[in-house]
Amino acid sequence: MMAARKRKLVAEPRERPAPPEEKIARLLGMLLVKDIKKKTDQVPLLRGVGFTVTEVADMLGMQENHVRVADHHGRKKR
């Protein structure tokens, strides 16, 4: 009979809380686009006020590549 292997429990790294400035910036960004229904229409506004692709992707729950494409199409419309 083979003995069952014991699995080591590995603690997952904890996320660091966001600094207050980042929380305020995210809140202001969300207020900017709150009345816009489509996420793809929100992207160019958030990018235009200075949010990075990664930040916009996190805020809207999108993939970074999708954010880049939506930003390109949004700027092209203007």
N, C-alpha and C. Protein backbone atom coordinates (compact mmCIF):
# COMPACT_ATOMS: atom_id res chain seq x y z
N MET A 1 0.82 -1.17 0.00
CA MET A 1 0.00 0.00 0.00
C MET A 1 0.88 1.25 0.00
N MET A 2 0.47 2.22 -0.79
CA MET A 2 1.24 3.46 -0.85
C MET A 2 0.70 4.46 0.16
N ALA A 3 1.60 5.12 0.79
CA ALA A 3 1.20 6.14 1.76
C ALA A 3 0.79 7.40 1.01
N ALA A 4 -0.25 8.05 1.48
CA ALA A 4 -0.72 9.29 0.85
C ALA A 4 0.28 10.41 1.15
N ARG A 5 0.54 11.20 0.13
CA ARG A 5 1.45 12.33 0.31
C ARG A 5 0.74 13.46 1.03
N LYS A 6 1.46 14.08 1.89
CA LYS A 6 0.90 15.24 2.57
C LYS A 6 1.17 16.47 1.73
N ARG A 7 0.16 17.27 1.56
CA ARG A 7 0.32 18.52 0.80
C ARG A 7 0.67 19.64 1.75
N LYS A 8 1.63 20.41 1.33
CA LYS A 8 2.00 21.57 2.13
C LYS A 8 1.05 22.71 1.80
N LEU A 9 0.57 23.35 2.81
CA LEU A 9 -0.29 24.51 2.60
C LEU A 9 0.60 25.72 2.38
N VAL A 10 0.36 26.38 1.27
CA VAL A 10 1.15 27.57 0.93
C VAL A 10 0.23 28.77 1.05
N ALA A 11 0.64 29.72 1.84
CA ALA A 11 -0.17 30.93 2.00
C ALA A 11 -0.08 31.77 0.74
N GLU A 12 -1.24 32.24 0.29
CA GLU A 12 -1.26 33.11 -0.88
C GLU A 12 -0.82 34.51 -0.46
N PRO A 13 -0.10 35.18 -1.35
CA PRO A 13 0.32 36.54 -0.98
C PRO A 13 -0.90 37.46 -0.83
N ARG A 14 -0.85 38.29 0.17
CA ARG A 14 -1.95 39.22 0.41
C ARG A 14 -1.81 40.43 -0.47
N GLU A 15 -2.94 40.93 -0.91
CA GLU A 15 -2.91 42.16 -1.69
C GLU A 15 -2.68 43.32 -0.75
N ARG A 16 -1.89 44.24 -1.21
CA ARG A 16 -1.66 45.44 -0.41
C ARG A 16 -2.83 46.38 -0.62
N PRO A 17 -3.29 47.02 0.43
CA PRO A 17 -4.37 47.98 0.24
C PRO A 17 -3.91 49.15 -0.62
N ALA A 18 -4.81 49.62 -1.45
CA ALA A 18 -4.47 50.74 -2.34
C ALA A 18 -4.28 52.00 -1.50
N PRO A 19 -3.31 52.82 -1.88
CA PRO A 19 -3.13 54.08 -1.16
C PRO A 19 -4.34 54.99 -1.36
N PRO A 20 -4.59 55.89 -0.43
CA PRO A 20 -5.76 56.77 -0.51
C PRO A 20 -5.84 57.56 -1.81
N GLU A 21 -4.69 57.99 -2.33
CA GLU A 21 -4.71 58.77 -3.58
C GLU A 21 -5.25 57.94 -4.73
N GLU A 22 -4.88 56.66 -4.76
CA GLU A 22 -5.35 55.78 -5.83
C GLU A 22 -6.86 55.55 -5.70
N LYS A 23 -7.33 55.39 -4.49
CA LYS A 23 -8.77 55.19 -4.28
C LYS A 23 -9.56 56.42 -4.75
N ILE A 24 -9.05 57.58 -4.43
CA ILE A 24 -9.72 58.83 -4.84
C ILE A 24 -9.71 58.96 -6.35
N ALA A 25 -8.59 58.64 -6.97
CA ALA A 25 -8.49 58.72 -8.43
C ALA A 25 -9.47 57.76 -9.10
N ARG A 26 -9.56 56.55 -8.58
CA ARG A 26 -10.51 55.58 -9.14
C ARG A 26 -11.95 56.06 -8.98
N LEU A 27 -12.25 56.60 -7.82
CA LEU A 27 -13.60 57.09 -7.57
C LEU A 27 -13.96 58.21 -8.54
N LEU A 28 -13.04 59.14 -8.72
CA LEU A 28 -13.29 60.24 -9.66
C LEU A 28 -13.44 59.73 -11.09
N GLY A 29 -12.66 58.74 -11.44
CA GLY A 29 -12.77 58.14 -12.76
C GLY A 29 -14.12 57.47 -12.97
N MET A 30 -14.59 56.78 -11.96
CA MET A 30 -15.89 56.11 -12.07
C MET A 30 -17.03 57.14 -12.12
N LEU A 31 -16.90 58.24 -11.40
CA LEU A 31 -17.90 59.30 -11.47
C LEU A 31 -17.95 59.94 -12.85
N LEU A 32 -16.78 60.04 -13.49
CA LEU A 32 -16.70 60.62 -14.82
C LEU A 32 -17.52 59.83 -15.83
N VAL A 33 -17.54 58.51 -15.70
CA VAL A 33 -18.17 57.67 -16.72
C VAL A 33 -19.44 56.97 -16.23
N LYS A 34 -19.99 57.38 -15.10
CA LYS A 34 -21.11 56.66 -14.51
C LYS A 34 -22.36 56.63 -15.38
N ASP A 35 -22.59 57.64 -16.21
CA ASP A 35 -23.80 57.69 -17.02
C ASP A 35 -23.63 57.06 -18.40
N ILE A 36 -22.44 56.59 -18.70
CA ILE A 36 -22.17 55.97 -19.99
C ILE A 36 -22.38 54.47 -19.85
N LYS A 37 -23.27 53.92 -20.65
CA LYS A 37 -23.65 52.51 -20.52
C LYS A 37 -22.56 51.54 -20.99
N LYS A 38 -22.02 51.76 -22.17
CA LYS A 38 -21.07 50.82 -22.75
C LYS A 38 -19.66 51.05 -22.21
N LYS A 39 -19.04 49.95 -21.80
CA LYS A 39 -17.67 50.04 -21.28
C LYS A 39 -16.71 50.57 -22.35
N THR A 40 -16.96 50.16 -23.59
CA THR A 40 -16.05 50.58 -24.65
C THR A 40 -16.12 52.09 -24.89
N ASP A 41 -17.21 52.72 -24.53
CA ASP A 41 -17.31 54.18 -24.64
C ASP A 41 -16.69 54.87 -23.42
N GLN A 42 -16.56 54.17 -22.33
CA GLN A 42 -15.96 54.72 -21.12
C GLN A 42 -14.44 54.79 -21.23
N VAL A 43 -13.89 53.84 -21.98
CA VAL A 43 -12.43 53.71 -22.05
C VAL A 43 -11.72 54.98 -22.52
N PRO A 44 -12.12 55.59 -23.67
CA PRO A 44 -11.37 56.78 -24.11
C PRO A 44 -11.42 57.93 -23.12
N LEU A 45 -12.52 58.06 -22.39
CA LEU A 45 -12.60 59.14 -21.39
C LEU A 45 -11.62 58.89 -20.25
N LEU A 46 -11.59 57.66 -19.75
CA LEU A 46 -10.68 57.34 -18.66
C LEU A 46 -9.23 57.45 -19.10
N ARG A 47 -8.93 57.01 -20.30
CA ARG A 47 -7.57 57.13 -20.82
C ARG A 47 -7.21 58.59 -21.04
N GLY A 48 -8.18 59.39 -21.46
CA GLY A 48 -7.94 60.80 -21.72
C GLY A 48 -7.62 61.61 -20.48
N VAL A 49 -8.11 61.16 -19.33
CA VAL A 49 -7.81 61.90 -18.09
C VAL A 49 -6.58 61.36 -17.38
N GLY A 50 -5.91 60.37 -18.00
CA GLY A 50 -4.62 59.95 -17.46
C GLY A 50 -4.51 58.58 -16.87
N PHE A 51 -5.56 57.78 -16.89
CA PHE A 51 -5.46 56.42 -16.37
C PHE A 51 -4.69 55.55 -17.36
N THR A 52 -3.89 54.63 -16.86
CA THR A 52 -3.14 53.72 -17.72
C THR A 52 -4.06 52.62 -18.21
N VAL A 53 -3.58 51.88 -19.20
CA VAL A 53 -4.36 50.76 -19.75
C VAL A 53 -4.66 49.75 -18.64
N THR A 54 -3.68 49.45 -17.83
CA THR A 54 -3.85 48.48 -16.74
C THR A 54 -4.89 48.97 -15.73
N GLU A 55 -4.84 50.24 -15.38
CA GLU A 55 -5.79 50.79 -14.42
C GLU A 55 -7.21 50.74 -14.97
N VAL A 56 -7.38 51.10 -16.24
CA VAL A 56 -8.71 51.07 -16.85
C VAL A 56 -9.23 49.64 -16.91
N ALA A 57 -8.36 48.71 -17.27
CA ALA A 57 -8.76 47.30 -17.34
C ALA A 57 -9.23 46.81 -15.98
N ASP A 58 -8.52 47.17 -14.92
CA ASP A 58 -8.92 46.77 -13.57
C ASP A 58 -10.24 47.42 -13.16
N MET A 59 -10.40 48.68 -13.48
CA MET A 59 -11.60 49.41 -13.09
C MET A 59 -12.85 48.86 -13.76
N LEU A 60 -12.72 48.51 -15.04
CA LEU A 60 -13.88 48.10 -15.82
C LEU A 60 -14.02 46.58 -15.96
N GLY A 61 -13.06 45.85 -15.44
CA GLY A 61 -13.12 44.39 -15.53
C GLY A 61 -12.94 43.89 -16.95
N MET A 62 -12.03 44.51 -17.68
CA MET A 62 -11.76 44.14 -19.07
C MET A 62 -10.32 43.66 -19.19
N GLN A 63 -10.03 43.02 -20.33
CA GLN A 63 -8.65 42.65 -20.61
C GLN A 63 -7.92 43.88 -21.16
N GLU A 64 -6.63 43.92 -20.91
CA GLU A 64 -5.84 45.09 -21.34
C GLU A 64 -5.89 45.28 -22.85
N ASN A 65 -5.84 44.20 -23.61
CA ASN A 65 -5.88 44.33 -25.05
C ASN A 65 -7.21 44.92 -25.52
N HIS A 66 -8.30 44.52 -24.88
CA HIS A 66 -9.61 45.06 -25.22
C HIS A 66 -9.67 46.56 -24.92
N VAL A 67 -9.03 46.97 -23.84
CA VAL A 67 -8.97 48.39 -23.49
C VAL A 67 -8.22 49.16 -24.57
N ARG A 68 -7.10 48.62 -25.03
CA ARG A 68 -6.32 49.30 -26.07
C ARG A 68 -7.14 49.46 -27.35
N VAL A 69 -7.85 48.39 -27.73
CA VAL A 69 -8.66 48.44 -28.96
C VAL A 69 -9.80 49.45 -28.79
N ALA A 70 -10.50 49.41 -27.65
CA ALA A 70 -11.60 50.34 -27.41
C ALA A 70 -11.11 51.78 -27.38
N ASP A 71 -9.92 52.00 -26.84
CA ASP A 71 -9.35 53.34 -26.79
C ASP A 71 -9.03 53.81 -28.21
N HIS A 72 -8.47 52.95 -29.01
CA HIS A 72 -8.13 53.31 -30.39
C HIS A 72 -9.39 53.67 -31.17
N HIS A 73 -10.43 52.83 -31.07
CA HIS A 73 -11.67 53.09 -31.80
C HIS A 73 -12.37 54.35 -31.29
N GLY A 74 -12.32 54.57 -29.99
CA GLY A 74 -12.94 55.76 -29.41
C GLY A 74 -12.27 57.04 -29.85
N ARG A 75 -10.95 57.02 -29.91
CA ARG A 75 -10.22 58.21 -30.36
C ARG A 75 -10.40 58.43 -31.85
N LYS A 76 -10.56 57.34 -32.58
CA LYS A 76 -10.75 57.43 -34.02
C LYS A 76 -12.11 58.07 -34.35
N LYS A 77 -13.12 57.81 -33.50
CA LYS A 77 -14.46 58.37 -33.70
C LYS A 77 -14.46 59.89 -33.60
N ARG A 78 -13.63 60.42 -32.71
CA ARG A 78 -13.62 61.87 -32.47
C ARG A 78 -13.13 62.58 -33.63
